[in-house]
Protein backbone atom coordinates (compact mmCIF):
# COMPACT_ATOMS: atom_id res chain seq x y z
CA UNK A 1 -30.88 59.56 -37.53
CA UNK A 2 -30.64 63.33 -36.34
CA UNK A 3 -28.05 64.23 -33.81
CA UNK A 4 -29.61 64.21 -30.44
CA UNK A 5 -28.60 65.32 -26.89
CA UNK A 6 -25.70 63.15 -25.52
CA UNK A 7 -23.84 63.05 -22.11
CA UNK A 8 -20.95 61.12 -21.50
CA UNK A 9 -22.92 59.42 -18.73
CA UNK A 10 -24.97 57.46 -21.22
CA UNK A 11 -24.51 53.76 -20.28
CA UNK A 12 -23.98 52.59 -23.76
CA UNK A 13 -25.64 49.22 -24.34
CA UNK A 14 -23.11 46.69 -26.15
CA UNK A 15 -20.42 49.08 -24.63
CA UNK A 16 -17.93 46.40 -24.20
CA UNK A 17 -18.59 44.93 -28.02
CA UNK A 18 -18.29 48.60 -29.25
CA UNK A 19 -14.72 48.85 -27.56
CA UNK A 20 -13.60 45.25 -28.95
CA UNK A 21 -14.71 46.41 -32.38
CA UNK A 22 -12.89 49.33 -32.37
CA UNK A 23 -9.80 47.96 -30.85
CA UNK A 24 -9.59 45.45 -33.72
CA UNK A 25 -10.37 47.93 -36.62
CA UNK A 26 -7.94 50.34 -35.34
CA UNK A 27 -5.19 47.60 -35.25
CA UNK A 28 -5.98 46.72 -38.90
CA UNK A 29 -6.00 50.20 -40.32
CA UNK A 30 -3.18 51.72 -38.73
CA UNK A 31 -0.99 48.57 -39.87
CA UNK A 32 -1.89 49.59 -43.62
CA UNK A 33 0.51 52.08 -45.13
CA UNK A 34 -1.67 53.62 -47.75
CA UNK A 35 -4.46 54.23 -44.95
CA UNK A 36 -4.50 57.71 -43.86
CA UNK A 37 -5.86 58.92 -40.40
CA UNK A 38 -7.73 62.27 -40.37
CA UNK A 39 -5.71 64.45 -38.04
CA UNK A 40 -8.25 64.82 -34.87
CA UNK A 41 -7.78 63.06 -31.41
CA UNK A 42 -11.75 63.27 -31.06
CA UNK A 43 -12.54 60.52 -33.75
CA UNK A 44 -11.08 57.95 -35.55
CA UNK A 45 -11.60 58.23 -38.78
CA UNK A 46 -9.70 56.87 -41.85
CA UNK A 47 -9.13 57.27 -45.68
CA UNK A 48 -7.78 54.65 -48.29
CA UNK A 49 -7.34 56.01 -51.92
CA UNK A 50 -8.23 53.81 -54.89
CA UNK A 51 -10.23 51.04 -52.70
CA UNK A 52 -12.14 50.57 -55.65
CA UNK A 53 -11.37 50.61 -59.35
CA UNK A 54 -12.83 52.62 -62.08
CA UNK A 55 -14.53 49.73 -63.68
CA UNK A 56 -15.83 48.51 -60.25
CA UNK A 57 -17.40 51.87 -59.29
CA UNK A 58 -19.13 52.19 -62.61
CA UNK A 59 -20.75 48.67 -62.17
CA UNK A 60 -21.92 49.93 -58.75
CA UNK A 61 -23.27 53.30 -60.22
CA UNK A 62 -25.48 51.39 -62.75
CA UNK A 63 -26.87 49.03 -60.25
CA UNK A 64 -27.64 51.89 -57.61
CA UNK A 65 -29.39 53.66 -60.69
CA UNK A 66 -31.44 50.30 -61.25
CA UNK A 67 -32.86 50.42 -57.42
CA UNK A 68 -32.78 54.33 -56.28
CA UNK A 69 -36.02 55.19 -54.62
CA UNK A 70 -36.24 58.60 -52.15
CA UNK A 71 -34.06 57.95 -49.38
CA UNK A 72 -35.56 57.51 -45.86
CA UNK A 73 -34.43 58.64 -42.50
CA UNK A 74 -35.54 56.87 -39.20
CA UNK A 75 -37.84 59.67 -37.81
CA UNK A 76 -37.74 62.25 -40.57
CA UNK A 77 -40.07 62.77 -43.54
CA UNK A 78 -38.29 63.08 -47.03
CA UNK A 79 -40.40 66.24 -47.66
CA UNK A 80 -38.75 68.25 -44.94
CA UNK A 81 -35.36 68.29 -46.93
CA UNK A 82 -33.35 66.55 -44.24
CA UNK A 83 -32.25 63.99 -46.57
CA UNK A 84 -33.18 64.45 -50.24
CA UNK A 85 -30.82 61.94 -52.00
CA UNK A 86 -32.03 58.73 -53.57
CA UNK A 87 -30.62 55.40 -52.17
CA UNK A 88 -31.07 51.78 -52.80
CA UNK A 89 -29.84 48.24 -51.91
CA UNK A 90 -27.77 46.46 -54.83
CA UNK A 91 -28.73 42.90 -54.63
CA UNK A 92 -26.61 41.59 -51.80
CA UNK A 93 -26.81 38.07 -53.34
CA UNK A 94 -25.18 39.11 -56.56
CA UNK A 95 -21.26 37.90 -56.62
CA UNK A 96 -20.08 41.08 -57.34
CA UNK A 97 -21.61 42.80 -54.49
CA UNK A 98 -20.82 39.92 -52.14
CA UNK A 99 -16.96 40.28 -53.24
CA UNK A 100 -16.77 44.05 -52.56
CA UNK A 101 -18.85 43.23 -49.17
CA UNK A 102 -15.94 40.77 -48.31
CA UNK A 103 -13.31 43.10 -48.98
CA UNK A 104 -14.71 45.77 -46.54
CA UNK A 105 -15.57 42.95 -44.09
CA UNK A 106 -11.65 41.82 -44.47
CA UNK A 107 -10.54 45.44 -44.23
CA UNK A 108 -11.74 46.11 -40.97
CA UNK A 109 -11.67 42.58 -39.61
CA UNK A 110 -15.28 42.83 -38.39
CA UNK A 111 -17.59 39.48 -38.46
CA UNK A 112 -19.67 39.87 -41.72
CA UNK A 113 -22.58 38.58 -39.73
CA UNK A 114 -22.46 42.14 -37.96
CA UNK A 115 -22.80 43.89 -41.25
CA UNK A 116 -25.71 45.55 -42.77
CA UNK A 117 -26.47 45.21 -46.47
CA UNK A 118 -24.64 47.80 -48.71
CA UNK A 119 -26.63 50.75 -49.38
CA UNK A 120 -26.20 52.99 -52.39
CA UNK A 121 -26.75 56.36 -52.39
CA UNK A 122 -27.42 58.99 -55.64
CA UNK A 123 -27.24 62.74 -55.09
CA UNK A 124 -28.62 64.99 -58.01
CA UNK A 125 -27.86 68.93 -57.62
CA UNK A 126 -29.18 70.72 -54.71
CA UNK A 127 -29.94 67.19 -52.76
CA UNK A 128 -28.31 66.81 -49.24
CA UNK A 129 -28.12 64.96 -45.90
CA UNK A 130 -28.04 67.08 -43.51
CA UNK A 131 -26.02 66.94 -40.22
CA UNK A 132 -26.57 63.26 -38.44
CA UNK A 133 -25.17 60.51 -36.48
CA UNK A 134 -25.01 56.67 -37.68
CA UNK A 135 -25.13 55.76 -34.36
CA UNK A 136 -28.93 55.48 -32.70
CA UNK A 137 -29.46 57.85 -29.78
CA UNK A 138 -30.84 55.90 -27.47
CA UNK A 139 -33.76 58.70 -26.50
CA UNK A 140 -35.50 57.77 -30.28
CA UNK A 141 -38.54 55.46 -30.56
CA UNK A 142 -36.73 53.73 -33.01
CA UNK A 143 -33.96 52.47 -30.61
CA UNK A 144 -36.45 50.23 -29.07
CA UNK A 145 -36.62 48.35 -32.68
CA UNK A 146 -32.90 48.55 -33.57
CA UNK A 147 -31.59 47.38 -30.05
CA UNK A 148 -33.16 43.91 -31.01
CA UNK A 149 -32.12 43.94 -34.59
CA UNK A 150 -28.12 43.89 -33.71
CA UNK A 151 -27.93 46.82 -31.64
CA UNK A 152 -25.68 49.86 -32.03
CA UNK A 153 -23.86 50.71 -35.13
CA UNK A 154 -20.39 50.10 -34.28
CA UNK A 155 -18.25 51.49 -37.50
CA UNK A 156 -19.30 52.77 -40.70
CA UNK A 157 -17.39 52.08 -44.43
CA UNK A 158 -18.35 54.69 -47.21
CA UNK A 159 -16.88 54.45 -50.57
CA UNK A 160 -17.25 57.50 -53.17
CA UNK A 161 -18.03 56.20 -56.64
CA UNK A 162 -17.27 59.12 -58.64
CA UNK A 163 -15.63 62.62 -58.75
CA UNK A 164 -18.08 65.34 -58.32
CA UNK A 165 -17.93 68.60 -60.58
CA UNK A 166 -18.80 70.99 -57.44
CA UNK A 167 -20.05 70.35 -54.07
CA UNK A 168 -21.23 66.85 -52.30
CA UNK A 169 -18.59 67.07 -49.79
CA UNK A 170 -18.76 65.06 -46.46
CA UNK A 171 -18.48 67.13 -43.65
CA UNK A 172 -17.91 66.31 -40.09
CA UNK A 173 -19.35 69.26 -38.72
CA UNK A 174 -18.36 69.10 -35.01
CA UNK A 175 -14.51 68.82 -36.25
CA UNK A 176 -14.64 71.06 -38.92
CA UNK A 177 -13.44 68.80 -41.54
CA UNK A 178 -14.55 68.17 -45.14
CA UNK A 179 -13.76 65.50 -47.51
CA UNK A 180 -13.96 65.87 -51.12
CA UNK A 181 -15.65 63.17 -53.04
CA UNK A 182 -13.20 61.11 -55.14
CA UNK A 183 -13.83 58.00 -57.07
CA UNK A 184 -12.78 54.82 -55.36
CA UNK A 185 -11.66 56.71 -52.11
CA UNK A 186 -12.90 54.71 -48.84
CA UNK A 187 -13.92 56.50 -45.80
CA UNK A 188 -14.23 54.30 -42.47
CA UNK A 189 -15.00 55.58 -39.14
CA UNK A 190 -15.67 54.42 -35.63
CA UNK A 191 -18.93 55.54 -34.42
CA UNK A 192 -18.00 54.90 -30.61
CA UNK A 193 -15.03 56.34 -28.75
CA UNK A 194 -12.04 53.71 -27.57
CA UNK A 195 -14.40 53.01 -24.53
CA UNK A 196 -17.20 51.63 -26.38
CA UNK A 197 -19.51 54.78 -26.15
CA UNK A 198 -21.16 56.64 -29.06
CA UNK A 199 -19.19 59.51 -30.07
CA UNK A 200 -20.72 62.87 -30.78
CA UNK A 201 -17.80 64.03 -32.76
CA UNK A 202 -18.52 61.57 -35.71
CA UNK A 203 -21.80 63.83 -36.74
CA UNK A 204 -21.30 64.61 -40.55
CA UNK A 205 -23.41 65.67 -43.05
CA UNK A 206 -23.65 64.83 -47.00
CA UNK A 207 -23.30 68.48 -48.43
CA UNK A 208 -25.58 69.45 -50.99
CA UNK A 209 -24.56 68.75 -54.74
CA UNK A 210 -24.09 71.86 -56.71
CA UNK A 211 -22.84 70.72 -60.45
CA UNK A 212 -22.86 67.02 -61.55
CA UNK A 213 -23.87 64.06 -59.54
CA UNK A 214 -22.72 62.09 -56.55
CA UNK A 215 -22.88 58.41 -55.96
CA UNK A 216 -21.45 56.54 -52.98
CA UNK A 217 -22.02 53.19 -51.34
CA UNK A 218 -22.23 52.62 -47.37
CA UNK A 219 -22.00 49.80 -45.23
CA UNK A 220 -22.98 49.84 -41.34
CA UNK A 221 -21.68 47.17 -38.79
CA UNK A 222 -23.65 46.30 -35.76
CA UNK A 223 -22.45 45.45 -32.33
CA UNK A 224 -24.31 42.12 -32.73
CA UNK A 225 -25.46 40.02 -35.63
CA UNK A 226 -27.49 42.24 -37.80
CA UNK A 227 -30.96 40.76 -38.41
């Protein structure tokens, strides 16, 4: 979704749930010694190295290659160049995928029923995902559909599956922060602030790959049970 106009007066649906999920994830992540919080007070963004092994990353890369198709954005056509990666969902019933999903669930302490299916993405040279939010702006047509499918996106967990030869950083554009893709590193961030209101500082972009390829998997969590 594209970053939309935002005001702090926006009365967030699921605000209480978003605040509760954020609080629990915060308590769990800050208690992990190897978990690093990015240095900003405007958003809660955490990183953990070696969350997945090289072998696990390789298996997921092969699964992504088997299902990847041109990526979709909710309200922007692929031809615009807004999101030009390839993506697909590895089989959520595969025992290996279920184990990975469970590890992410356990890390964040979020009810697995709130989690969307893990999505894999592949970026070739020149491909990108321009600046966007993972939370749903309230003034978009698709919000009417998504609010009944689990509501607002509470948390994002994203894992880099390979080192990229050049380019492919994840940039939090409003914060001036750039994260270089490194194999096995997990990024997790709260899509809301401590009050449970969607946080405009979480706008981020997948920068164009210059050389090589970039593979990631992403898991989003909703405020309520995902349908």
